[in-house]
Amino acid sequence: MSCIFCKIAGKEVKSSIVLESGTVMAFDDISPQAPVHVVIIPKEHITSVAGLNGIVQEMFKAAIKVAKAKGVDSSGYRMVMNSGSDAGQAVEHMHFHLIGGRKLVWPPG
């Protein structure tokens, strides 16, 4: 598969893995927008929100663990999921961005 996130999940492409389970992987973003910027993906290639089904719970559980591991669980963090090109989804593999480690502004963009 040519999807970069599938290649990361399959360990064909090196990444800085923060957390991994049988169904979910989290890794540091290569272009961080804050001191903490982690991408959380289902290992299965899922292109749209409609295909997420039960994996969302696993992704949220991973986010809680990642926030704690990165030390932003108490200070706060933002989770972002873009769906579709108009929303800014650059990789057609559903994913969350967990962002924190600094004061975040609202609205985000």
N, C-alpha and C. Protein backbone atom coordinates (compact mmCIF):
# COMPACT_ATOMS: atom_id res chain seq x y z
N MET A 1 0.85 -1.18 0.00
CA MET A 1 0.00 0.00 0.00
C MET A 1 0.89 1.23 0.00
N SER A 2 0.48 2.29 -0.68
CA SER A 2 1.30 3.49 -0.80
C SER A 2 1.02 4.53 0.28
N CYS A 3 0.06 4.30 1.14
CA CYS A 3 -0.27 5.24 2.21
C CYS A 3 0.89 5.34 3.20
N ILE A 4 1.35 6.57 3.47
CA ILE A 4 2.47 6.76 4.38
C ILE A 4 2.16 6.26 5.78
N PHE A 5 0.92 6.43 6.25
CA PHE A 5 0.58 5.95 7.59
C PHE A 5 0.55 4.43 7.65
N CYS A 6 0.13 3.78 6.57
CA CYS A 6 0.18 2.31 6.52
C CYS A 6 1.63 1.84 6.56
N LYS A 7 2.50 2.56 5.88
CA LYS A 7 3.92 2.21 5.89
C LYS A 7 4.53 2.40 7.27
N ILE A 8 4.10 3.44 7.98
CA ILE A 8 4.58 3.66 9.34
C ILE A 8 4.06 2.54 10.25
N ALA A 9 2.77 2.21 10.12
CA ALA A 9 2.17 1.14 10.94
C ALA A 9 2.85 -0.20 10.66
N GLY A 10 3.24 -0.43 9.40
CA GLY A 10 3.92 -1.66 9.03
C GLY A 10 5.42 -1.62 9.26
N LYS A 11 5.90 -0.50 9.79
CA LYS A 11 7.31 -0.27 10.11
C LYS A 11 8.21 -0.33 8.89
N GLU A 12 7.63 0.00 7.73
CA GLU A 12 8.42 0.15 6.51
C GLU A 12 9.08 1.51 6.48
N VAL A 13 8.47 2.48 7.19
CA VAL A 13 9.01 3.83 7.30
C VAL A 13 9.28 4.09 8.78
N LYS A 14 10.48 4.56 9.09
CA LYS A 14 10.87 4.81 10.46
C LYS A 14 10.09 6.01 11.01
N SER A 15 9.67 5.89 12.26
CA SER A 15 9.01 6.99 12.95
C SER A 15 9.36 6.91 14.43
N SER A 16 9.07 7.98 15.13
CA SER A 16 9.31 8.03 16.57
C SER A 16 8.02 7.58 17.26
N ILE A 17 7.93 6.28 17.51
CA ILE A 17 6.71 5.69 18.08
C ILE A 17 6.60 6.05 19.55
N VAL A 18 5.43 6.58 19.91
CA VAL A 18 5.14 6.96 21.29
C VAL A 18 4.37 5.85 21.99
N LEU A 19 3.47 5.19 21.26
CA LEU A 19 2.62 4.14 21.82
C LEU A 19 2.18 3.22 20.68
N GLU A 20 2.07 1.94 20.99
CA GLU A 20 1.59 0.99 19.99
C GLU A 20 0.80 -0.12 20.68
N SER A 21 -0.34 -0.46 20.09
CA SER A 21 -1.13 -1.60 20.55
C SER A 21 -1.39 -2.47 19.32
N GLY A 22 -2.23 -3.46 19.46
CA GLY A 22 -2.55 -4.30 18.32
C GLY A 22 -3.33 -3.59 17.23
N THR A 23 -4.04 -2.52 17.60
CA THR A 23 -4.93 -1.85 16.64
C THR A 23 -4.60 -0.39 16.37
N VAL A 24 -3.79 0.22 17.23
CA VAL A 24 -3.54 1.67 17.17
C VAL A 24 -2.06 1.94 17.30
N MET A 25 -1.60 3.01 16.64
CA MET A 25 -0.21 3.45 16.78
C MET A 25 -0.20 4.96 16.95
N ALA A 26 0.72 5.45 17.77
CA ALA A 26 0.91 6.89 17.96
C ALA A 26 2.38 7.21 17.75
N PHE A 27 2.65 8.29 17.02
CA PHE A 27 4.03 8.66 16.74
C PHE A 27 4.15 10.18 16.67
N ASP A 28 5.34 10.69 16.94
CA ASP A 28 5.58 12.12 16.88
C ASP A 28 5.41 12.62 15.45
N ASP A 29 4.73 13.77 15.30
CA ASP A 29 4.53 14.38 13.99
C ASP A 29 5.88 14.89 13.47
N ILE A 30 6.13 14.74 12.18
CA ILE A 30 7.42 15.19 11.61
C ILE A 30 7.47 16.70 11.41
N SER A 31 6.32 17.37 11.52
CA SER A 31 6.27 18.82 11.40
C SER A 31 5.43 19.38 12.55
N PRO A 32 5.96 19.30 13.78
CA PRO A 32 5.15 19.65 14.95
C PRO A 32 4.70 21.11 14.97
N GLN A 33 3.46 21.31 15.40
CA GLN A 33 2.87 22.63 15.51
C GLN A 33 2.87 23.13 16.96
N ALA A 34 3.39 22.33 17.87
CA ALA A 34 3.49 22.66 19.29
C ALA A 34 4.56 21.75 19.89
N PRO A 35 5.00 22.04 21.12
CA PRO A 35 6.01 21.17 21.73
C PRO A 35 5.61 19.70 21.77
N VAL A 36 4.32 19.43 21.95
CA VAL A 36 3.82 18.07 21.87
C VAL A 36 2.88 18.01 20.67
N HIS A 37 3.20 17.16 19.70
CA HIS A 37 2.36 16.97 18.53
C HIS A 37 2.52 15.52 18.09
N VAL A 38 1.53 14.73 18.43
CA VAL A 38 1.56 13.28 18.17
C VAL A 38 0.40 12.92 17.26
N VAL A 39 0.66 12.06 16.30
CA VAL A 39 -0.37 11.55 15.39
C VAL A 39 -0.80 10.18 15.89
N ILE A 40 -2.11 9.97 16.00
CA ILE A 40 -2.66 8.69 16.47
C ILE A 40 -3.48 8.09 15.33
N ILE A 41 -3.12 6.88 14.91
CA ILE A 41 -3.77 6.25 13.77
C ILE A 41 -4.30 4.86 14.12
N PRO A 42 -5.35 4.44 13.43
CA PRO A 42 -5.67 3.01 13.47
C PRO A 42 -4.67 2.32 12.55
N LYS A 43 -4.20 1.14 12.91
CA LYS A 43 -3.26 0.44 12.05
C LYS A 43 -3.92 -0.01 10.74
N GLU A 44 -5.20 -0.27 10.81
CA GLU A 44 -5.96 -0.63 9.62
C GLU A 44 -6.17 0.61 8.76
N HIS A 45 -6.05 0.48 7.46
CA HIS A 45 -6.25 1.61 6.55
C HIS A 45 -7.74 1.96 6.48
N ILE A 46 -8.10 3.07 7.08
CA ILE A 46 -9.47 3.58 7.08
C ILE A 46 -9.41 5.00 6.54
N THR A 47 -10.15 5.27 5.47
CA THR A 47 -10.02 6.57 4.80
C THR A 47 -11.00 7.63 5.26
N SER A 48 -12.13 7.22 5.86
CA SER A 48 -13.11 8.23 6.24
C SER A 48 -13.65 7.99 7.64
N VAL A 49 -14.23 9.02 8.21
CA VAL A 49 -14.83 8.93 9.54
C VAL A 49 -15.86 7.82 9.59
N ALA A 50 -16.61 7.63 8.51
CA ALA A 50 -17.66 6.61 8.45
C ALA A 50 -17.11 5.21 8.68
N GLY A 51 -15.85 4.97 8.37
CA GLY A 51 -15.27 3.64 8.52
C GLY A 51 -14.65 3.37 9.88
N LEU A 52 -14.65 4.36 10.77
CA LEU A 52 -13.97 4.19 12.04
C LEU A 52 -14.64 3.20 12.99
N ASN A 53 -15.96 3.23 13.09
CA ASN A 53 -16.71 2.32 13.96
C ASN A 53 -16.08 2.19 15.34
N GLY A 54 -15.79 0.98 15.80
CA GLY A 54 -15.30 0.73 17.15
C GLY A 54 -13.88 1.16 17.43
N ILE A 55 -13.10 1.47 16.43
CA ILE A 55 -11.70 1.81 16.64
C ILE A 55 -11.54 3.17 17.34
N VAL A 56 -12.56 4.01 17.27
CA VAL A 56 -12.47 5.34 17.88
C VAL A 56 -12.18 5.23 19.38
N GLN A 57 -12.83 4.31 20.05
CA GLN A 57 -12.60 4.13 21.48
C GLN A 57 -11.14 3.80 21.75
N GLU A 58 -10.55 2.93 20.93
CA GLU A 58 -9.13 2.58 21.10
C GLU A 58 -8.24 3.80 20.84
N MET A 59 -8.62 4.62 19.87
CA MET A 59 -7.83 5.82 19.58
C MET A 59 -7.89 6.81 20.74
N PHE A 60 -9.07 6.96 21.35
CA PHE A 60 -9.20 7.85 22.51
C PHE A 60 -8.42 7.32 23.71
N LYS A 61 -8.47 6.02 23.93
CA LYS A 61 -7.69 5.42 25.02
C LYS A 61 -6.19 5.68 24.79
N ALA A 62 -5.75 5.55 23.55
CA ALA A 62 -4.36 5.82 23.21
C ALA A 62 -4.02 7.28 23.47
N ALA A 63 -4.94 8.18 23.12
CA ALA A 63 -4.71 9.62 23.33
C ALA A 63 -4.50 9.93 24.81
N ILE A 64 -5.29 9.33 25.67
CA ILE A 64 -5.16 9.55 27.11
C ILE A 64 -3.78 9.09 27.59
N LYS A 65 -3.34 7.93 27.12
CA LYS A 65 -2.02 7.40 27.50
C LYS A 65 -0.90 8.28 26.95
N VAL A 66 -1.05 8.74 25.70
CA VAL A 66 -0.03 9.60 25.08
C VAL A 66 0.07 10.92 25.84
N ALA A 67 -1.07 11.53 26.17
CA ALA A 67 -1.07 12.80 26.90
C ALA A 67 -0.33 12.66 28.23
N LYS A 68 -0.56 11.55 28.91
CA LYS A 68 0.12 11.31 30.17
C LYS A 68 1.62 11.10 29.94
N ALA A 69 1.97 10.30 28.93
CA ALA A 69 3.38 10.02 28.64
C ALA A 69 4.14 11.29 28.25
N LYS A 70 3.46 12.21 27.57
CA LYS A 70 4.09 13.45 27.11
C LYS A 70 3.98 14.57 28.14
N GLY A 71 3.29 14.31 29.27
CA GLY A 71 3.22 15.29 30.35
C GLY A 71 2.25 16.43 30.14
N VAL A 72 1.25 16.25 29.28
CA VAL A 72 0.27 17.32 29.06
C VAL A 72 -1.12 16.93 29.56
N ASP A 73 -1.22 15.82 30.27
CA ASP A 73 -2.53 15.36 30.74
C ASP A 73 -3.14 16.33 31.74
N SER A 74 -2.34 17.01 32.55
CA SER A 74 -2.87 17.95 33.53
C SER A 74 -3.02 19.36 32.98
N SER A 75 -2.07 19.80 32.16
CA SER A 75 -2.09 21.17 31.64
C SER A 75 -3.10 21.35 30.52
N GLY A 76 -3.38 20.28 29.79
CA GLY A 76 -4.37 20.34 28.71
C GLY A 76 -3.76 20.09 27.35
N TYR A 77 -4.58 19.62 26.46
CA TYR A 77 -4.16 19.32 25.10
C TYR A 77 -5.38 19.37 24.19
N ARG A 78 -5.13 19.43 22.91
CA ARG A 78 -6.19 19.47 21.91
C ARG A 78 -6.06 18.24 21.03
N MET A 79 -7.22 17.67 20.67
CA MET A 79 -7.24 16.58 19.71
C MET A 79 -7.98 17.08 18.47
N VAL A 80 -7.36 16.90 17.32
CA VAL A 80 -7.92 17.38 16.07
C VAL A 80 -8.04 16.21 15.10
N MET A 81 -9.17 16.12 14.43
CA MET A 81 -9.35 15.13 13.36
C MET A 81 -9.96 15.87 12.17
N ASN A 82 -9.25 15.86 11.08
CA ASN A 82 -9.75 16.46 9.84
C ASN A 82 -10.33 15.36 8.97
N SER A 83 -11.45 15.65 8.33
CA SER A 83 -12.08 14.66 7.45
C SER A 83 -12.39 15.31 6.11
N GLY A 84 -11.60 14.98 5.12
CA GLY A 84 -11.79 15.52 3.78
C GLY A 84 -10.85 16.67 3.47
N SER A 85 -10.67 16.94 2.20
CA SER A 85 -9.70 17.96 1.77
C SER A 85 -10.07 19.36 2.23
N ASP A 86 -11.35 19.72 2.27
CA ASP A 86 -11.74 21.06 2.72
C ASP A 86 -11.39 21.28 4.19
N ALA A 87 -11.31 20.22 4.96
CA ALA A 87 -10.96 20.32 6.38
C ALA A 87 -9.44 20.29 6.60
N GLY A 88 -8.69 19.99 5.56
CA GLY A 88 -7.24 19.97 5.67
C GLY A 88 -6.65 18.58 5.84
N GLN A 89 -7.43 17.54 5.57
CA GLN A 89 -6.90 16.18 5.68
C GLN A 89 -5.89 15.96 4.55
N ALA A 90 -4.62 15.78 4.92
CA ALA A 90 -3.55 15.63 3.93
C ALA A 90 -3.25 14.17 3.61
N VAL A 91 -3.50 13.27 4.55
CA VAL A 91 -3.26 11.85 4.33
C VAL A 91 -4.61 11.13 4.43
N GLU A 92 -4.96 10.38 3.41
CA GLU A 92 -6.25 9.68 3.40
C GLU A 92 -6.19 8.40 4.22
N HIS A 93 -5.94 8.58 5.49
CA HIS A 93 -5.92 7.51 6.49
C HIS A 93 -6.34 8.25 7.77
N MET A 94 -7.48 7.90 8.31
CA MET A 94 -8.01 8.66 9.44
C MET A 94 -7.01 8.70 10.59
N HIS A 95 -6.94 9.86 11.24
CA HIS A 95 -5.99 10.04 12.32
C HIS A 95 -6.38 11.23 13.19
N PHE A 96 -5.92 11.19 14.43
CA PHE A 96 -6.04 12.32 15.35
C PHE A 96 -4.67 12.98 15.46
N HIS A 97 -4.69 14.28 15.68
CA HIS A 97 -3.49 14.99 16.11
C HIS A 97 -3.71 15.33 17.58
N LEU A 98 -2.78 14.96 18.44
CA LEU A 98 -2.81 15.36 19.84
C LEU A 98 -1.76 16.45 19.98
N ILE A 99 -2.21 17.65 20.35
CA ILE A 99 -1.34 18.83 20.36
C ILE A 99 -1.38 19.48 21.74
N GLY A 100 -0.23 19.82 22.28
CA GLY A 100 -0.17 20.48 23.58
C GLY A 100 1.21 20.95 23.90
N GLY A 101 1.40 21.29 25.17
CA GLY A 101 2.71 21.76 25.61
C GLY A 101 2.88 23.26 25.51
N ARG A 102 1.84 23.97 25.10
CA ARG A 102 1.83 25.43 25.07
C ARG A 102 0.38 25.87 25.12
N LYS A 103 0.16 27.15 25.36
CA LYS A 103 -1.19 27.71 25.37
C LYS A 103 -1.71 27.70 23.93
N LEU A 104 -2.87 27.08 23.72
CA LEU A 104 -3.47 27.02 22.39
C LEU A 104 -4.58 28.05 22.30
N VAL A 105 -4.70 28.68 21.14
CA VAL A 105 -5.71 29.73 20.96
C VAL A 105 -6.97 29.18 20.31
N TRP A 106 -8.05 29.93 20.44
CA TRP A 106 -9.33 29.57 19.83
C TRP A 106 -9.92 30.80 19.19
N PRO A 107 -10.47 30.75 18.00
CA PRO A 107 -10.60 29.56 17.17
C PRO A 107 -9.27 29.19 16.52
N PRO A 108 -9.14 27.89 16.19
CA PRO A 108 -7.85 27.40 15.69
C PRO A 108 -7.52 27.76 14.26
N GLY A 109 -8.44 28.18 13.45
CA GLY A 109 -8.04 28.49 12.08
C GLY A 109 -9.18 28.54 11.21
